[in-house]
Protein backbone atom coordinates (compact mmCIF):
# COMPACT_ATOMS: atom_id res chain seq x y z
CA UNK A 1 26.26 59.52 11.31
CA UNK A 2 23.46 59.52 8.75
CA UNK A 3 19.87 58.66 9.69
CA UNK A 4 20.22 55.38 7.82
CA UNK A 5 23.39 54.51 9.75
CA UNK A 6 21.76 55.55 13.03
CA UNK A 7 18.74 53.34 12.37
CA UNK A 8 20.99 50.37 11.56
CA UNK A 9 23.10 50.88 14.69
CA UNK A 10 20.01 51.27 16.89
CA UNK A 11 18.63 47.98 15.55
CA UNK A 12 22.01 46.27 16.18
CA UNK A 13 22.18 47.61 19.74
CA UNK A 14 18.58 46.65 20.43
CA UNK A 15 19.26 43.10 19.28
CA UNK A 16 22.47 42.86 21.33
CA UNK A 17 21.04 44.34 24.53
CA UNK A 18 17.95 42.12 24.37
CA UNK A 19 20.17 39.05 23.93
CA UNK A 20 22.53 39.98 26.76
CA UNK A 21 19.61 40.94 29.02
CA UNK A 22 18.06 37.52 28.46
CA UNK A 23 21.34 35.83 29.43
CA UNK A 24 21.60 38.07 32.52
CA UNK A 25 18.03 38.34 33.80
CA UNK A 26 16.36 35.15 32.58
CA UNK A 27 19.19 32.62 32.44
CA UNK A 28 21.36 34.09 35.25
CA UNK A 29 24.33 33.39 32.97
CA UNK A 30 25.89 36.67 31.74
CA UNK A 31 28.15 36.64 28.71
CA UNK A 32 29.62 40.13 29.12
CA UNK A 33 30.52 42.29 32.11
CA UNK A 34 28.02 44.70 33.66
CA UNK A 35 30.16 47.60 32.47
CA UNK A 36 30.18 46.37 28.85
CA UNK A 37 26.40 45.98 28.97
CA UNK A 38 25.99 49.44 30.53
CA UNK A 39 28.03 50.99 27.72
CA UNK A 40 25.85 49.33 25.07
CA UNK A 41 22.74 50.63 26.83
CA UNK A 42 24.24 54.12 27.10
CA UNK A 43 25.01 54.20 23.38
CA UNK A 44 21.47 53.01 22.59
CA UNK A 45 19.92 55.58 24.92
CA UNK A 46 21.95 58.43 23.38
CA UNK A 47 21.13 57.40 19.81
CA UNK A 48 17.41 57.14 20.62
CA UNK A 49 17.57 60.57 22.20
CA UNK A 50 19.12 61.97 19.01
CA UNK A 51 16.78 60.02 16.72
CA UNK A 52 13.50 59.66 18.69
CA UNK A 53 11.63 58.53 15.59
CA UNK A 54 13.36 55.15 15.93
CA UNK A 55 12.26 54.49 19.53
CA UNK A 56 9.89 51.57 20.02
CA UNK A 57 8.38 49.84 23.03
CA UNK A 58 10.57 46.75 22.56
CA UNK A 59 13.73 48.72 23.32
CA UNK A 60 15.20 48.05 26.76
CA UNK A 61 15.38 51.81 27.22
CA UNK A 62 11.57 51.70 27.40
CA UNK A 63 10.93 48.58 29.49
CA UNK A 64 12.34 46.60 32.39
CA UNK A 65 14.44 43.58 31.45
CA UNK A 66 13.38 40.14 32.63
CA UNK A 67 10.58 37.63 32.09
CA UNK A 68 8.73 35.03 34.17
CA UNK A 69 10.47 31.66 34.26
CA UNK A 70 8.38 28.68 33.20
CA UNK A 71 7.26 26.66 36.21
CA UNK A 72 6.52 29.65 38.46
CA UNK A 73 3.09 31.13 39.06
CA UNK A 74 2.76 34.73 37.90
CA UNK A 75 2.30 37.62 40.32
CA UNK A 76 0.93 40.96 39.15
CA UNK A 77 2.60 43.68 41.19
CA UNK A 78 0.12 46.10 42.76
CA UNK A 79 2.83 48.74 42.52
CA UNK A 80 5.29 48.27 39.61
CA UNK A 81 8.87 47.36 40.52
CA UNK A 82 10.60 49.82 38.24
CA UNK A 83 14.21 50.06 37.18
CA UNK A 84 16.46 53.13 37.59
CA UNK A 85 17.99 55.49 35.09
CA UNK A 86 21.75 54.90 35.10
CA UNK A 87 24.26 57.75 34.89
CA UNK A 88 28.03 57.52 34.64
CA UNK A 89 29.35 60.99 35.49
CA UNK A 90 28.92 63.73 38.07
CA UNK A 91 27.89 66.04 35.20
CA UNK A 92 24.83 63.86 34.61
CA UNK A 93 24.04 63.98 38.33
CA UNK A 94 24.21 67.79 38.18
CA UNK A 95 21.77 67.76 35.27
CA UNK A 96 19.40 65.60 37.32
CA UNK A 97 19.66 67.93 40.33
CA UNK A 98 19.01 70.96 38.10
CA UNK A 99 15.83 69.31 36.77
CA UNK A 100 14.70 68.63 40.32
CA UNK A 101 15.31 72.28 41.31
CA UNK A 102 13.31 73.54 38.33
CA UNK A 103 10.39 71.18 39.06
CA UNK A 104 10.44 72.18 42.72
CA UNK A 105 10.09 75.86 41.82
CA UNK A 106 7.26 75.10 39.38
CA UNK A 107 5.37 73.27 42.14
CA UNK A 108 6.19 75.59 45.06
CA UNK A 109 8.32 72.99 46.82
CA UNK A 110 10.51 75.08 49.12
CA UNK A 111 13.07 72.50 50.21
CA UNK A 112 14.47 69.40 48.52
CA UNK A 113 16.21 66.66 50.47
CA UNK A 114 17.83 63.63 48.91
CA UNK A 115 18.77 60.16 50.18
CA UNK A 116 21.91 58.52 48.80
CA UNK A 117 22.01 54.74 49.21
CA UNK A 118 24.15 51.85 48.05
CA UNK A 119 22.88 50.14 44.90
CA UNK A 120 23.12 46.52 46.01
CA UNK A 121 24.02 44.07 43.28
CA UNK A 122 21.28 41.49 43.70
CA UNK A 123 17.76 40.51 42.68
CA UNK A 124 14.87 42.84 43.46
CA UNK A 125 11.83 41.30 45.15
CA UNK A 126 8.48 42.33 46.59
CA UNK A 127 7.45 40.86 49.96
CA UNK A 128 3.83 41.05 51.12
CA UNK A 129 2.36 40.93 54.64
CA UNK A 130 -1.26 40.74 55.76
CA UNK A 131 -2.06 41.69 59.34
CA UNK A 132 1.66 41.58 60.06
CA UNK A 133 2.12 38.03 58.74
CA UNK A 134 4.23 37.05 55.73
CA UNK A 135 2.01 35.85 52.87
CA UNK A 136 3.97 36.07 49.63
CA UNK A 137 7.29 36.83 47.95
CA UNK A 138 7.75 37.64 44.26
CA UNK A 139 10.63 38.54 41.93
CA UNK A 140 10.58 41.75 39.93
CA UNK A 141 10.15 39.94 36.60
CA UNK A 142 9.41 42.58 33.97
CA UNK A 143 8.41 45.10 36.61
CA UNK A 144 4.67 44.51 36.17
CA UNK A 145 4.53 40.72 36.48
CA UNK A 146 6.95 38.67 38.56
CA UNK A 147 7.44 35.09 39.71
CA UNK A 148 5.84 33.71 42.86
CA UNK A 149 8.85 32.54 44.88
CA UNK A 150 7.11 32.40 48.25
CA UNK A 151 8.58 29.05 49.31
CA UNK A 152 12.07 30.15 48.31
CA UNK A 153 11.82 33.56 49.99
CA UNK A 154 10.81 31.83 53.23
CA UNK A 155 14.22 30.13 53.38
CA UNK A 156 15.98 33.52 53.80
CA UNK A 157 16.58 33.78 57.53
CA UNK A 158 16.67 37.59 57.63
CA UNK A 159 13.09 37.89 56.35
CA UNK A 160 10.67 38.22 59.30
CA UNK A 161 7.66 35.92 59.17
CA UNK A 162 5.79 38.13 61.65
CA UNK A 163 6.14 41.90 62.00
CA UNK A 164 6.08 43.89 65.23
CA UNK A 165 2.80 45.51 64.17
CA UNK A 166 -0.30 43.88 62.66
CA UNK A 167 -0.26 45.81 59.41
CA UNK A 168 -0.85 45.22 55.69
CA UNK A 169 2.28 46.16 53.80
CA UNK A 170 4.26 45.38 50.63
CA UNK A 171 7.98 46.08 50.84
CA UNK A 172 10.74 45.92 48.28
CA UNK A 173 14.14 44.45 48.98
CA UNK A 174 17.29 43.24 47.27
CA UNK A 175 18.23 39.57 47.63
CA UNK A 176 21.99 39.02 47.55
CA UNK A 177 24.86 36.78 48.61
CA UNK A 178 27.65 38.37 50.67
CA UNK A 179 31.21 38.46 49.32
CA UNK A 180 32.56 35.91 51.80
CA UNK A 181 29.63 33.53 51.33
CA UNK A 182 29.97 33.83 47.56
CA UNK A 183 33.65 32.87 47.69
CA UNK A 184 32.82 29.86 49.88
CA UNK A 185 29.97 28.86 47.54
CA UNK A 186 32.22 28.93 44.48
CA UNK A 187 35.02 27.16 46.34
CA UNK A 188 32.64 24.33 47.14
CA UNK A 189 31.41 24.19 43.53
CA UNK A 190 35.00 24.06 42.29
CA UNK A 191 35.75 21.13 44.60
CA UNK A 192 32.68 19.35 43.22
CA UNK A 193 33.62 20.21 39.59
CA UNK A 194 30.48 22.27 39.12
CA UNK A 195 30.48 25.34 36.91
CA UNK A 196 31.43 28.43 38.91
CA UNK A 197 28.97 31.30 39.26
CA UNK A 198 30.09 34.33 37.26
CA UNK A 199 29.32 36.76 40.06
CA UNK A 200 27.40 37.09 43.30
CA UNK A 201 24.37 38.74 41.68
CA UNK A 202 23.76 35.83 39.32
CA UNK A 203 24.37 33.32 42.09
CA UNK A 204 21.67 35.05 44.15
CA UNK A 205 19.25 35.30 41.24
CA UNK A 206 19.76 31.69 40.20
CA UNK A 207 19.30 30.53 43.79
CA UNK A 208 16.08 32.46 44.35
CA UNK A 209 14.60 31.30 41.04
CA UNK A 210 15.00 27.58 41.72
CA UNK A 211 11.91 25.44 41.21
CA UNK A 212 13.09 23.27 44.11
CA UNK A 213 13.14 25.34 47.32
CA UNK A 214 15.44 22.75 48.94
CA UNK A 215 18.21 23.99 46.63
CA UNK A 216 17.46 27.59 47.60
CA UNK A 217 17.63 26.62 51.26
CA UNK A 218 21.23 25.47 50.80
CA UNK A 219 22.31 28.85 49.38
CA UNK A 220 23.40 31.66 51.76
CA UNK A 221 20.83 34.26 50.62
CA UNK A 222 20.33 37.54 52.47
CA UNK A 223 18.10 40.56 51.87
CA UNK A 224 18.16 44.30 52.55
CA UNK A 225 14.92 46.25 52.29
CA UNK A 226 14.88 49.70 50.71
CA UNK A 227 11.30 50.76 49.94
CA UNK A 228 7.67 50.70 51.06
CA UNK A 229 5.67 49.77 47.97
CA UNK A 230 2.25 49.97 49.62
CA UNK A 231 0.95 50.32 53.16
CA UNK A 232 -2.52 50.46 54.72
CA UNK A 233 -3.43 52.89 57.49
CA UNK A 234 -0.21 54.92 57.63
CA UNK A 235 1.13 58.00 55.87
CA UNK A 236 4.72 59.17 55.60
CA UNK A 237 6.22 62.46 54.50
CA UNK A 238 9.65 61.20 53.58
CA UNK A 239 11.51 58.16 52.30
CA UNK A 240 13.95 58.34 55.23
CA UNK A 241 10.98 58.20 57.61
CA UNK A 242 9.75 55.07 55.80
CA UNK A 243 13.12 53.37 56.20
CA UNK A 244 13.19 54.10 59.93
CA UNK A 245 9.69 52.63 60.24
CA UNK A 246 10.73 49.46 58.39
CA UNK A 247 13.53 48.98 60.91
CA UNK A 248 11.02 49.30 63.78
CA UNK A 249 8.86 46.61 62.16
CA UNK A 250 11.81 44.20 62.17
CA UNK A 251 13.15 44.53 58.61
CA UNK A 252 16.86 44.60 57.82
CA UNK A 253 17.19 47.87 55.92
CA UNK A 254 19.92 48.88 53.48
CA UNK A 255 22.69 49.82 55.97
CA UNK A 256 24.01 52.83 54.03
CA UNK A 257 21.49 55.65 53.63
CA UNK A 258 22.76 59.23 53.77
CA UNK A 259 20.39 62.20 53.99
CA UNK A 260 21.66 65.11 51.86
CA UNK A 261 20.54 68.68 51.17
CA UNK A 262 23.13 70.07 48.76
CA UNK A 263 24.97 69.01 45.63
CA UNK A 264 28.23 68.96 47.58
CA UNK A 265 26.76 66.64 50.21
CA UNK A 266 25.49 64.30 47.49
CA UNK A 267 28.88 64.16 45.76
CA UNK A 268 30.61 63.58 49.11
CA UNK A 269 28.19 60.75 49.90
CA UNK A 270 28.84 59.07 46.55
CA UNK A 271 32.61 59.39 47.01
CA UNK A 272 32.36 58.07 50.57
CA UNK A 273 30.43 55.01 49.40
CA UNK A 274 33.05 54.53 46.66
CA UNK A 275 35.86 54.60 49.24
CA UNK A 276 34.04 52.11 51.48
CA UNK A 277 33.07 49.86 48.59
CA UNK A 278 35.77 47.27 49.18
CA UNK A 279 35.08 47.14 52.93
CA UNK A 280 31.39 46.35 52.48
CA UNK A 281 30.35 42.76 53.11
CA UNK A 282 28.05 42.85 50.08
CA UNK A 283 28.63 43.78 46.44
CA UNK A 284 27.39 47.06 45.02
CA UNK A 285 27.49 48.47 41.50
CA UNK A 286 26.50 52.03 42.23
CA UNK A 287 24.93 54.65 44.44
CA UNK A 288 21.27 55.64 44.18
CA UNK A 289 20.20 59.28 44.53
CA UNK A 290 16.52 59.65 45.50
CA UNK A 291 14.18 62.51 46.29
CA UNK A 292 13.26 62.19 49.98
CA UNK A 293 9.96 64.13 49.87
CA UNK A 294 7.20 61.62 49.00
CA UNK A 295 4.70 64.27 47.91
CA UNK A 296 7.27 65.68 45.48
CA UNK A 297 7.84 62.15 44.15
CA UNK A 298 4.13 61.87 43.31
CA UNK A 299 4.27 65.17 41.43
CA UNK A 300 7.33 64.07 39.44
CA UNK A 301 5.86 60.66 38.57
CA UNK A 302 7.48 58.02 36.37
CA UNK A 303 8.02 56.90 32.80
CA UNK A 304 6.99 53.38 31.76
CA UNK A 305 10.37 52.13 32.99
CA UNK A 306 11.91 54.46 35.57
CA UNK A 307 10.88 56.98 38.25
CA UNK A 308 11.72 60.60 37.45
CA UNK A 309 12.71 61.21 41.07
CA UNK A 310 15.75 58.91 41.26
CA UNK A 311 18.91 57.98 39.36
CA UNK A 312 21.69 55.43 39.84
CA UNK A 313 25.32 56.49 39.55
CA UNK A 314 27.34 53.51 38.33
CA UNK A 315 30.91 53.21 39.57
CA UNK A 316 33.39 52.26 36.84
CA UNK A 317 35.03 48.85 37.39
CA UNK A 318 38.63 49.00 38.57
CA UNK A 319 40.94 47.42 36.02
CA UNK A 320 44.68 46.82 36.15
CA UNK A 321 47.27 45.49 33.73
CA UNK A 322 49.58 42.65 34.70
CA UNK A 323 51.59 39.88 33.04
CA UNK A 324 50.24 36.40 32.32
CA UNK A 325 53.33 34.52 33.54
CA UNK A 326 52.06 31.00 32.90
CA UNK A 327 49.02 28.79 32.44
CA UNK A 328 48.81 25.73 34.68
CA UNK A 329 46.17 23.00 34.54
CA UNK A 330 44.27 21.73 37.56
CA UNK A 331 42.39 18.45 37.71
CA UNK A 332 39.12 18.36 39.61
CA UNK A 333 37.54 15.49 41.52
CA UNK A 334 35.52 14.36 38.48
CA UNK A 335 38.45 14.62 36.10
CA UNK A 336 37.75 18.01 34.55
CA UNK A 337 41.02 19.70 33.54
CA UNK A 338 40.81 23.46 34.08
CA UNK A 339 43.43 25.98 32.89
CA UNK A 340 44.53 28.49 35.54
CA UNK A 341 46.24 31.80 34.80
CA UNK A 342 49.36 32.50 36.90
CA UNK A 343 49.70 36.28 37.08
CA UNK A 344 52.30 38.77 38.16
CA UNK A 345 50.66 39.77 41.48
CA UNK A 346 48.58 42.94 41.16
CA UNK A 347 46.42 44.78 43.69
CA UNK A 348 42.89 45.38 42.41
CA UNK A 349 39.64 46.26 44.15
CA UNK A 350 41.25 45.99 47.58
CA UNK A 351 43.10 42.67 47.32
CA UNK A 352 46.13 41.12 45.62
CA UNK A 353 45.39 38.89 42.64
CA UNK A 354 47.97 36.34 41.52
CA UNK A 355 45.86 33.75 39.70
CA UNK A 356 42.44 33.27 38.15
CA UNK A 357 40.57 30.57 36.28
CA UNK A 358 40.57 30.58 32.48
CA UNK A 359 37.57 28.21 32.45
CA UNK A 360 38.34 26.17 29.33
CA UNK A 361 40.07 26.07 25.94
CA UNK A 362 37.34 28.12 24.25
CA UNK A 363 37.78 30.98 26.73
CA UNK A 364 41.52 31.16 26.02
CA UNK A 365 40.89 31.26 22.25
CA UNK A 366 38.11 33.83 22.61
CA UNK A 367 40.36 36.20 24.57
CA UNK A 368 43.36 35.38 22.29
CA UNK A 369 45.58 34.78 25.33
CA UNK A 370 49.26 33.92 25.10
CA UNK A 371 51.75 33.20 27.89
CA UNK A 372 53.74 36.38 28.43
CA UNK A 373 50.89 38.68 27.43
CA UNK A 374 50.09 41.89 29.26
CA UNK A 375 46.49 41.22 30.29
CA UNK A 376 43.73 43.40 31.71
CA UNK A 377 42.26 42.12 34.97
CA UNK A 378 39.16 43.21 36.84
CA UNK A 379 36.98 41.72 39.55
CA UNK A 380 33.59 40.48 38.44
CA UNK A 381 31.05 41.78 40.90
CA UNK A 382 34.02 43.04 42.94
CA UNK A 383 34.70 39.44 43.99
CA UNK A 384 36.09 37.12 41.31
CA UNK A 385 39.23 38.24 39.46
CA UNK A 386 38.87 37.77 35.71
CA UNK A 387 40.89 38.50 32.59
CA UNK A 388 38.81 40.75 30.36
CA UNK A 389 41.29 41.44 27.59
CA UNK A 390 44.84 41.66 26.26
CA UNK A 391 46.96 44.73 25.55
CA UNK A 392 48.21 43.51 22.17
CA UNK A 393 50.25 46.72 21.69
CA UNK A 394 52.63 45.45 24.38
CA UNK A 395 53.35 42.17 22.60
CA UNK A 396 57.03 41.63 21.83
CA UNK A 397 56.77 38.52 19.68
CA UNK A 398 58.17 36.34 22.45
CA UNK A 399 54.72 35.36 23.75
CA UNK A 400 53.90 31.65 23.68
CA UNK A 401 50.70 30.03 22.45
CA UNK A 402 49.09 27.70 24.97
CA UNK A 403 47.65 24.32 24.11
CA UNK A 404 45.57 22.15 26.38
CA UNK A 405 47.38 18.94 27.38
CA UNK A 406 46.75 15.66 25.61
CA UNK A 407 47.51 13.78 28.82
CA UNK A 408 46.19 14.28 32.34
CA UNK A 409 48.82 16.33 34.23
CA UNK A 410 48.19 14.27 37.39
CA UNK A 411 48.05 10.62 36.27
CA UNK A 412 49.21 10.69 32.65
CA UNK A 413 46.04 9.14 31.21
CA UNK A 414 44.59 10.44 27.93
CA UNK A 415 42.67 13.71 28.12
CA UNK A 416 39.66 14.05 25.84
CA UNK A 417 37.03 16.64 25.02
CA UNK A 418 33.67 15.11 24.20
CA UNK A 419 31.73 16.54 21.29
CA UNK A 420 29.44 19.36 22.43
CA UNK A 421 31.33 19.89 25.70
CA UNK A 422 33.63 22.77 26.64
CA UNK A 423 35.49 20.77 29.29
CA UNK A 424 38.55 18.61 28.83
CA UNK A 425 38.50 15.44 30.96
CA UNK A 426 40.88 12.80 32.18
CA UNK A 427 39.78 9.41 30.79
CA UNK A 428 40.75 7.62 33.99
CA UNK A 429 38.26 9.52 36.17
């Protein structure tokens, strides 16, 4: 690749990632899968590493994605809520561990411990207490400035309003919706002909960032805490010690936190979390590897976006091929006609999938789906099965194009699609 080509590709990737980040972080309405976004970011990061002269501060490799939604008061974080550097292979983890070993030797750190935790797929928030009493909750926003969501945060039952000690503290947690609650939430929305949430993370984010806290109150939000941002009158030596203290105060802490000393222990912990992934009640998209020693963390410091003392290993999404046997149309309570894929049953991410929504006519055209196709299925956020592509090499020529019905399949009335709408509707509803 020439420098000119590299510059052009970097600009393309920067434009794409900023667009997709806006859909994900600001609108809670992702257009591509997390894995597809991660791969774009990885390509951008690698190109910028090779051609550092083209790096600028507007690149998402240099800043945290997300902005403050209009209608919310702004909160300046006393301690930035940074992102994490993503890695996708054990080789990259080894490189990270080697850097930590070298820095430890340079600074006469005799022993390095690590904590491996689940990377919960939710919305990061900072919760503040004065004299042991809850005073404010804020979203991460762009890491420096977030949204004041105090009234919404108060609706989460697992957040203590009063701590067991009268202390000033700011803690960081991840707001999420459990897998079972997410399925129930989408089931209810389907019955009411509302648009389904793409995944549990966006459902949680959209719920927490409601201007009307009464809507938030109706959503089954939960939170796990994973960090002390700031505390008055206490000192800790290790991250693990901090987590144990948070539990004593009454916080619900990230349930999986494994203390490790060696590379082998770290790899085993990551593999163990991967094996348990489907059994967990909450969605995860990775495992976080953190330095446990807080003094060493201070020495290592941070970039403008990420701490140098932690990385996030991202698990690849499990995908399977199966046959699209048929497309049936369902009619909702308000008359919306929704195409449903009938699949050859396939086991993926711990459960058997035999059908999934195809949303609307535009989705079918976008994916170029035909009845009889061999399709690629994955679970969005490990919960919702979705068709992400077609293996066109396996087409035989006997596949059948699908067309949305002109009549309602239930009552026989005309079916119409209003201009500007994606949905097809029964005219009798």
